[in-house]
Amino acid sequence: MNRIDLYKKTVEKWGEEAQYDQAIEECAELITALQHLKRKKNDRQAVIDELADVTLMLGQLTWMFGENQVQQAIGFKLKKLSILLEEE
């Protein structure tokens, strides 16, 4: 089963609101893993595992909100970053 089919089935099973909550939870777990890494309470693998969870949720959210709109926003943000880097 491809990712899009998985995303559709996930939303059908649990609903959009639950997926928003899941994305929030996964981001919080990544934040915690990064903080623990800084304090040497865990290793890089813990961060990688949380990055994988967040990446999957970002894929699902991108699908939910629209790939084209997200790509346009990314393009705008990259252009803005490029301008900021040139100013330095």
C-alpha atoms as a PDB file:
ATOM      1  CA  MET A   1       0.000   0.000   0.000  1.00  0.00           C
ATOM      2  CA  ASN A   2       1.408   3.414  -0.913  1.00  0.00           C
ATOM      3  CA  ARG A   3       1.627   6.395   1.426  1.00  0.00           C
ATOM      4  CA  ILE A   4      -1.396   8.220   0.020  1.00  0.00           C
ATOM      5  CA  ASP A   5      -3.585   5.177   0.551  1.00  0.00           C
ATOM      6  CA  LEU A   6      -2.250   4.885   4.100  1.00  0.00           C
ATOM      7  CA  TYR A   7      -2.981   8.559   4.745  1.00  0.00           C
ATOM      8  CA  LYS A   8      -6.541   8.188   3.429  1.00  0.00           C
ATOM      9  CA  LYS A   9      -7.207   5.089   5.519  1.00  0.00           C
ATOM     10  CA  THR A  10      -5.785   6.752   8.617  1.00  0.00           C
ATOM     11  CA  VAL A  11      -8.057   9.787   8.261  1.00  0.00           C
ATOM     12  CA  GLU A  12     -11.033   7.543   7.500  1.00  0.00           C
ATOM     13  CA  LYS A  13     -10.365   5.467  10.615  1.00  0.00           C
ATOM     14  CA  TRP A  14      -9.490   8.162  13.177  1.00  0.00           C
ATOM     15  CA  GLY A  15     -10.537  11.468  11.579  1.00  0.00           C
ATOM     16  CA  GLU A  16      -8.716  14.721  10.881  1.00  0.00           C
ATOM     17  CA  GLU A  17      -8.873  16.071  14.436  1.00  0.00           C
ATOM     18  CA  ALA A  18      -7.180  12.959  15.809  1.00  0.00           C
ATOM     19  CA  GLN A  19      -4.440  13.294  13.209  1.00  0.00           C
ATOM     20  CA  TYR A  20      -3.860  16.934  14.170  1.00  0.00           C
ATOM     21  CA  ASP A  21      -3.490  15.783  17.779  1.00  0.00           C
ATOM     22  CA  GLN A  22      -1.148  12.985  16.722  1.00  0.00           C
ATOM     23  CA  ALA A  23       1.036  15.448  14.804  1.00  0.00           C
ATOM     24  CA  ILE A  24       1.223  17.689  17.874  1.00  0.00           C
ATOM     25  CA  GLU A  25       2.194  14.728  20.041  1.00  0.00           C
ATOM     26  CA  GLU A  26       4.897  13.565  17.639  1.00  0.00           C
ATOM     27  CA  CYS A  27       6.367  17.076  17.437  1.00  0.00           C
ATOM     28  CA  ALA A  28       6.429  17.268  21.228  1.00  0.00           C
ATOM     29  CA  GLU A  29       8.226  13.914  21.390  1.00  0.00           C
ATOM     30  CA  LEU A  30      10.827  15.206  18.923  1.00  0.00           C
ATOM     31  CA  ILE A  31      11.325  18.312  21.032  1.00  0.00           C
ATOM     32  CA  THR A  32      11.849  16.137  24.107  1.00  0.00           C
ATOM     33  CA  ALA A  33      14.265  13.829  22.278  1.00  0.00           C
ATOM     34  CA  LEU A  34      16.335  16.812  21.119  1.00  0.00           C
ATOM     35  CA  GLN A  35      16.424  18.272  24.628  1.00  0.00           C
ATOM     36  CA  HIS A  36      17.498  14.909  26.019  1.00  0.00           C
ATOM     37  CA  LEU A  37      20.196  14.608  23.366  1.00  0.00           C
ATOM     38  CA  LYS A  38      21.599  17.997  24.373  1.00  0.00           C
ATOM     39  CA  ARG A  39      21.742  16.799  28.004  1.00  0.00           C
ATOM     40  CA  LYS A  40      23.167  13.425  26.961  1.00  0.00           C
ATOM     41  CA  LYS A  41      20.122  11.570  28.331  1.00  0.00           C
ATOM     42  CA  ASN A  42      19.613   9.712  25.033  1.00  0.00           C
ATOM     43  CA  ASP A  43      21.397   9.064  21.762  1.00  0.00           C
ATOM     44  CA  ARG A  44      21.022  10.099  18.136  1.00  0.00           C
ATOM     45  CA  GLN A  45      18.872   7.054  17.395  1.00  0.00           C
ATOM     46  CA  ALA A  46      16.147   8.350  19.714  1.00  0.00           C
ATOM     47  CA  VAL A  47      16.085  11.600  17.730  1.00  0.00           C
ATOM     48  CA  ILE A  48      16.096   9.712  14.428  1.00  0.00           C
ATOM     49  CA  ASP A  49      13.126   7.608  15.568  1.00  0.00           C
ATOM     50  CA  GLU A  50      11.171  10.726  16.512  1.00  0.00           C
ATOM     51  CA  LEU A  51      12.178  12.429  13.253  1.00  0.00           C
ATOM     52  CA  ALA A  52      10.719   9.460  11.391  1.00  0.00           C
ATOM     53  CA  ASP A  53       7.420   9.825  13.259  1.00  0.00           C
ATOM     54  CA  VAL A  54       7.284  13.572  12.597  1.00  0.00           C
ATOM     55  CA  THR A  55       8.207  13.066   8.936  1.00  0.00           C
ATOM     56  CA  LEU A  56       5.330  10.637   8.495  1.00  0.00           C
ATOM     57  CA  MET A  57       2.912  13.035  10.171  1.00  0.00           C
ATOM     58  CA  LEU A  58       4.172  15.917   8.018  1.00  0.00           C
ATOM     59  CA  GLY A  59       3.520  13.798   4.950  1.00  0.00           C
ATOM     60  CA  GLN A  60       0.006  13.137   6.124  1.00  0.00           C
ATOM     61  CA  LEU A  61      -0.642  16.779   6.984  1.00  0.00           C
ATOM     62  CA  THR A  62       0.765  17.840   3.615  1.00  0.00           C
ATOM     63  CA  TRP A  63      -1.656  15.477   1.917  1.00  0.00           C
ATOM     64  CA  MET A  64      -4.533  16.725   4.098  1.00  0.00           C
ATOM     65  CA  PHE A  65      -3.849  20.420   3.446  1.00  0.00           C
ATOM     66  CA  GLY A  66      -2.807  20.082  -0.189  1.00  0.00           C
ATOM     67  CA  GLU A  67       0.561  19.250  -1.694  1.00  0.00           C
ATOM     68  CA  ASN A  68       0.532  22.217  -4.082  1.00  0.00           C
ATOM     69  CA  GLN A  69      -0.232  24.771  -1.381  1.00  0.00           C
ATOM     70  CA  VAL A  70       2.455  23.371   0.898  1.00  0.00           C
ATOM     71  CA  GLN A  71       5.040  23.340  -1.917  1.00  0.00           C
ATOM     72  CA  GLN A  72       4.200  26.956  -2.748  1.00  0.00           C
ATOM     73  CA  ALA A  73       4.674  27.945   0.896  1.00  0.00           C
ATOM     74  CA  ILE A  74       7.986  26.064   1.019  1.00  0.00           C
ATOM     75  CA  GLY A  75       9.158  27.866  -2.114  1.00  0.00           C
ATOM     76  CA  PHE A  76       8.270  31.219  -0.566  1.00  0.00           C
ATOM     77  CA  LYS A  77      10.074  30.336   2.690  1.00  0.00           C
ATOM     78  CA  LEU A  78      13.185  29.180   0.810  1.00  0.00           C
ATOM     79  CA  LYS A  79      13.272  32.408  -1.176  1.00  0.00           C
ATOM     80  CA  LYS A  80      12.919  34.407   2.046  1.00  0.00           C
ATOM     81  CA  LEU A  81      15.744  32.432   3.676  1.00  0.00           C
ATOM     82  CA  SER A  82      17.967  32.997   0.645  1.00  0.00           C
ATOM     83  CA  ILE A  83      17.383  36.743   0.862  1.00  0.00           C
ATOM     84  CA  LEU A  84      18.179  36.736   4.591  1.00  0.00           C
ATOM     85  CA  LEU A  85      21.431  34.882   3.978  1.00  0.00           C
ATOM     86  CA  GLU A  86      22.439  37.329   1.251  1.00  0.00           C
ATOM     87  CA  GLU A  87      21.912  40.294   3.600  1.00  0.00           C
ATOM     88  CA  GLU A  88      24.588  39.032   5.977  1.00  0.00           C
END
